[in-house]
């Protein structure tokens, strides 16, 4: 059976629960005081560089940063880059904000909702890179329309990325890797740049292993690290 060209309902959220365990007092304080200061403004965003208190060379987006291990590493590694982090799960957000506050990191803005609703609000060609790392695989067939990668979201990525901007996708679920490759292959906007098996079997330069990835490897699953580049428009 051939797969549909359009994969999911644009009005459906692509994340699961928003909250797990009850927040401790300190975590609630992060959500109440730090998150509002770092949240993106309402409405369309005209000036990406103006989102940050210091000059930035470029802006990158990470979707679903979880506890923030990878995003924090990249922020520390590249203080001249502005980052937008997307994470609807409040418990992970609270932990991330606590580190931001403790270390005084300023090259970050936050979106705590659905990334598919954020992307159309960004200026065209304003992002240098997008990372989608270990997204929820929604493994059951009836759930697959909730997977974040689709023809529609790739077109939203393409609109937001500059020409030559990169998209990275990492997952330990082979079916989702194949799903993503199928959509990249039929996209008019992206070129998959990996040429040899080692290109997608080896982690990205400067990669740090998150707790989730360590658990996946311990369970015998093999991660894949895909890279695609936005074609010249």
Protein backbone atom coordinates (compact mmCIF):
# COMPACT_ATOMS: atom_id res chain seq x y z
CA UNK A 1 0.00 0.00 0.00
CA UNK A 2 1.39 3.40 -0.92
CA UNK A 3 1.82 5.98 1.82
CA UNK A 4 -0.24 9.18 1.83
CA UNK A 5 1.45 12.35 0.72
CA UNK A 6 0.13 14.29 3.72
CA UNK A 7 0.67 12.61 7.03
CA UNK A 8 -1.15 14.32 9.85
CA UNK A 9 -3.79 16.70 11.02
CA UNK A 10 -2.31 20.22 11.34
CA UNK A 11 -4.60 20.87 14.31
CA UNK A 12 -3.37 17.83 16.27
CA UNK A 13 -0.61 18.19 18.88
CA UNK A 14 2.44 16.03 18.23
CA UNK A 15 3.52 15.69 21.85
CA UNK A 16 2.03 13.58 24.63
CA UNK A 17 1.50 14.62 28.22
CA UNK A 18 2.47 18.09 29.43
CA UNK A 19 3.09 17.23 33.08
CA UNK A 20 4.36 14.27 35.08
CA UNK A 21 5.23 14.31 38.78
CA UNK A 22 4.12 17.23 40.90
CA UNK A 23 6.66 20.05 40.72
CA UNK A 24 8.71 20.85 43.79
CA UNK A 25 8.59 24.41 45.13
CA UNK A 26 11.86 25.34 43.45
CA UNK A 27 10.69 23.94 40.12
CA UNK A 28 7.39 25.80 40.36
CA UNK A 29 9.37 28.98 40.97
CA UNK A 30 11.28 28.40 37.72
CA UNK A 31 8.04 28.00 35.78
CA UNK A 32 6.43 31.02 37.40
CA UNK A 33 9.37 33.45 37.30
CA UNK A 34 12.03 32.38 34.78
CA UNK A 35 9.87 30.93 32.00
CA UNK A 36 7.85 34.13 31.41
CA UNK A 37 11.10 36.07 31.04
CA UNK A 38 12.42 33.71 28.37
CA UNK A 39 9.22 32.91 26.49
CA UNK A 40 8.93 34.08 22.93
CA UNK A 41 6.62 37.05 22.40
CA UNK A 42 3.07 36.64 21.12
CA UNK A 43 2.32 37.04 17.43
CA UNK A 44 4.68 36.99 14.47
CA UNK A 45 8.37 37.50 15.17
CA UNK A 46 10.02 40.05 12.90
CA UNK A 47 13.50 40.38 14.41
CA UNK A 48 15.15 37.13 15.47
CA UNK A 49 18.44 38.68 16.58
CA UNK A 50 16.51 41.14 18.72
CA UNK A 51 15.18 38.28 20.85
CA UNK A 52 18.50 38.03 22.65
CA UNK A 53 20.16 40.50 25.03
CA UNK A 54 23.50 40.19 23.23
CA UNK A 55 24.45 40.17 19.54
CA UNK A 56 24.24 36.70 17.97
CA UNK A 57 25.76 35.40 14.74
CA UNK A 58 22.87 33.04 13.96
CA UNK A 59 19.77 31.45 15.50
CA UNK A 60 19.17 27.72 15.87
CA UNK A 61 16.09 25.77 16.93
CA UNK A 62 15.91 22.56 18.96
CA UNK A 63 12.53 20.84 19.09
CA UNK A 64 11.71 18.68 22.12
CA UNK A 65 14.83 19.25 24.24
CA UNK A 66 13.62 17.07 27.13
CA UNK A 67 15.86 17.64 30.13
CA UNK A 68 18.03 19.92 28.05
CA UNK A 69 21.35 18.04 28.14
CA UNK A 70 22.08 18.50 24.44
CA UNK A 71 20.72 22.03 24.19
CA UNK A 72 22.68 23.21 27.24
CA UNK A 73 25.85 21.70 25.81
CA UNK A 74 25.38 23.52 22.50
CA UNK A 75 24.58 26.79 24.27
CA UNK A 76 27.76 26.59 26.33
CA UNK A 77 29.77 25.50 23.29
CA UNK A 78 28.53 28.39 21.11
CA UNK A 79 27.71 31.49 23.19
CA UNK A 80 27.69 33.56 19.98
CA UNK A 81 24.70 31.56 18.69
CA UNK A 82 21.13 32.29 19.79
CA UNK A 83 19.01 29.22 20.53
CA UNK A 84 15.27 28.67 20.61
CA UNK A 85 14.29 25.64 22.66
CA UNK A 86 10.89 23.95 22.32
CA UNK A 87 9.60 21.67 25.08
CA UNK A 88 5.94 21.28 26.14
CA UNK A 89 6.72 18.90 29.04
CA UNK A 90 6.72 21.08 32.16
CA UNK A 91 8.90 18.83 34.34
CA UNK A 92 11.75 18.81 31.82
CA UNK A 93 11.33 22.54 31.32
CA UNK A 94 11.66 23.22 35.05
CA UNK A 95 14.96 21.31 35.25
CA UNK A 96 16.30 23.10 32.20
CA UNK A 97 15.35 26.53 33.54
CA UNK A 98 17.07 25.81 36.85
CA UNK A 99 20.37 25.29 35.02
CA UNK A 100 19.84 28.41 32.90
CA UNK A 101 19.29 30.47 36.02
CA UNK A 102 22.20 28.94 37.94
CA UNK A 103 24.71 29.42 35.11
CA UNK A 104 23.40 32.77 33.92
CA UNK A 105 23.04 31.63 30.31
CA UNK A 106 21.44 34.27 28.10
CA UNK A 107 21.58 32.89 24.54
CA UNK A 108 18.21 31.14 24.82
CA UNK A 109 14.51 31.81 24.25
CA UNK A 110 11.75 29.31 25.00
CA UNK A 111 8.56 28.00 23.38
CA UNK A 112 6.57 25.66 25.64
CA UNK A 113 3.92 24.68 23.11
CA UNK A 114 3.72 22.83 19.80
CA UNK A 115 6.63 23.61 17.48
CA UNK A 116 4.32 23.28 14.46
CA UNK A 117 2.49 26.37 15.71
CA UNK A 118 5.74 28.28 16.25
CA UNK A 119 7.38 27.68 12.87
CA UNK A 120 4.95 29.79 10.77
CA UNK A 121 5.55 32.75 13.09
CA UNK A 122 9.29 32.86 12.40
CA UNK A 123 10.67 35.03 9.59
CA UNK A 124 11.42 33.15 6.39
CA UNK A 125 15.06 32.10 6.14
CA UNK A 126 15.79 33.16 9.70
CA UNK A 127 17.13 29.89 11.13
CA UNK A 128 20.62 28.53 10.68
CA UNK A 129 19.75 25.03 11.87
CA UNK A 130 16.98 22.83 13.28
CA UNK A 131 17.55 19.83 15.54
CA UNK A 132 14.87 17.19 16.16
CA UNK A 133 16.53 14.66 18.46
CA UNK A 134 14.79 11.50 19.67
CA UNK A 135 11.22 12.71 19.08
CA UNK A 136 8.31 10.65 20.33
CA UNK A 137 8.11 7.76 17.79
CA UNK A 138 4.35 7.13 18.16
CA UNK A 139 5.05 3.51 17.17
CA UNK A 140 1.54 2.13 16.68
CA UNK A 141 0.19 2.42 13.14
CA UNK A 142 -2.85 4.41 14.22
CA UNK A 143 -0.56 6.88 16.03
CA UNK A 144 1.83 7.59 13.20
CA UNK A 145 -0.06 10.64 12.01
CA UNK A 146 1.11 12.25 15.26
CA UNK A 147 4.79 11.92 14.32
CA UNK A 148 6.34 15.32 14.04
CA UNK A 149 8.13 14.66 10.76
CA UNK A 150 5.75 14.98 7.82
CA UNK A 151 5.61 16.60 4.41
CA UNK A 152 3.93 19.59 6.04
CA UNK A 153 6.48 20.07 8.82
CA UNK A 154 9.38 19.66 6.39
CA UNK A 155 7.89 22.47 4.32
CA UNK A 156 7.67 24.57 7.49
CA UNK A 157 11.31 23.77 8.22
CA UNK A 158 12.28 24.75 4.69
CA UNK A 159 10.50 28.08 4.98
CA UNK A 160 12.21 28.94 8.28
CA UNK A 161 15.72 27.77 7.31
CA UNK A 162 18.18 29.85 5.32
CA UNK A 163 19.50 28.38 2.07
CA UNK A 164 22.13 25.83 3.08
CA UNK A 165 20.74 25.60 6.62
CA UNK A 166 20.82 22.14 8.12
CA UNK A 167 18.22 19.83 9.63
CA UNK A 168 19.35 17.07 11.99
CA UNK A 169 17.18 14.13 13.04
CA UNK A 170 18.29 11.47 15.52
CA UNK A 171 16.32 8.42 16.61
CA UNK A 172 16.83 4.88 17.88
CA UNK A 173 13.58 3.69 16.25
CA UNK A 174 14.39 2.22 12.82
CA UNK A 175 10.83 2.64 11.55
CA UNK A 176 10.87 6.36 12.33
CA UNK A 177 14.27 6.76 10.68
CA UNK A 178 12.91 5.14 7.52
CA UNK A 179 9.76 7.26 7.77
CA UNK A 180 11.88 10.42 7.93
CA UNK A 181 14.14 9.38 5.05
CA UNK A 182 11.10 8.67 2.86
CA UNK A 183 9.80 12.18 3.43
CA UNK A 184 13.19 13.80 2.93
CA UNK A 185 13.60 11.88 -0.33
CA UNK A 186 10.35 13.26 -1.75
CA UNK A 187 10.82 16.77 -0.38
CA UNK A 188 11.59 19.43 -3.02
CA UNK A 189 13.40 21.48 -0.37
CA UNK A 190 16.02 19.19 1.20
CA UNK A 191 19.04 17.12 0.24
CA UNK A 192 20.06 14.23 2.51
CA UNK A 193 23.80 14.70 2.84
CA UNK A 194 24.91 11.38 4.37
CA UNK A 195 26.89 9.39 1.82
CA UNK A 196 28.19 6.37 3.75
CA UNK A 197 26.71 4.23 6.52
CA UNK A 198 29.14 5.69 9.02
CA UNK A 199 27.79 9.17 8.25
CA UNK A 200 24.48 8.32 9.92
CA UNK A 201 25.80 5.73 12.38
CA UNK A 202 28.29 8.09 13.99
CA UNK A 203 27.05 10.87 16.29
CA UNK A 204 27.29 14.49 15.20
CA UNK A 205 30.52 16.40 15.94
CA UNK A 206 30.58 17.52 19.56
CA UNK A 207 27.72 15.17 20.45
CA UNK A 208 27.03 14.34 24.09
CA UNK A 209 25.08 11.23 24.99
CA UNK A 210 21.84 11.98 26.81
CA UNK A 211 20.30 9.74 29.45
CA UNK A 212 17.63 8.69 26.97
CA UNK A 213 20.20 7.62 24.39
CA UNK A 214 22.20 5.69 26.98
CA UNK A 215 19.05 3.75 27.91
CA UNK A 216 18.29 3.05 24.25
CA UNK A 217 21.76 1.67 23.61
CA UNK A 218 21.62 -0.41 26.80
CA UNK A 219 18.35 -1.88 25.49
CA UNK A 220 20.08 -2.89 22.23
CA UNK A 221 18.65 -0.20 19.97
CA UNK A 222 21.00 1.46 17.48
CA UNK A 223 20.71 5.22 16.98
CA UNK A 224 20.80 6.90 13.59
CA UNK A 225 21.93 10.49 13.06
CA UNK A 226 20.54 11.97 9.84
CA UNK A 227 21.56 15.30 8.31
CA UNK A 228 19.78 17.17 5.53
CA UNK A 229 20.49 20.58 4.00
CA UNK A 230 18.03 23.18 2.76
CA UNK A 231 18.30 23.55 -1.01
CA UNK A 232 18.72 27.00 -2.49
CA UNK A 233 15.25 28.47 -2.99
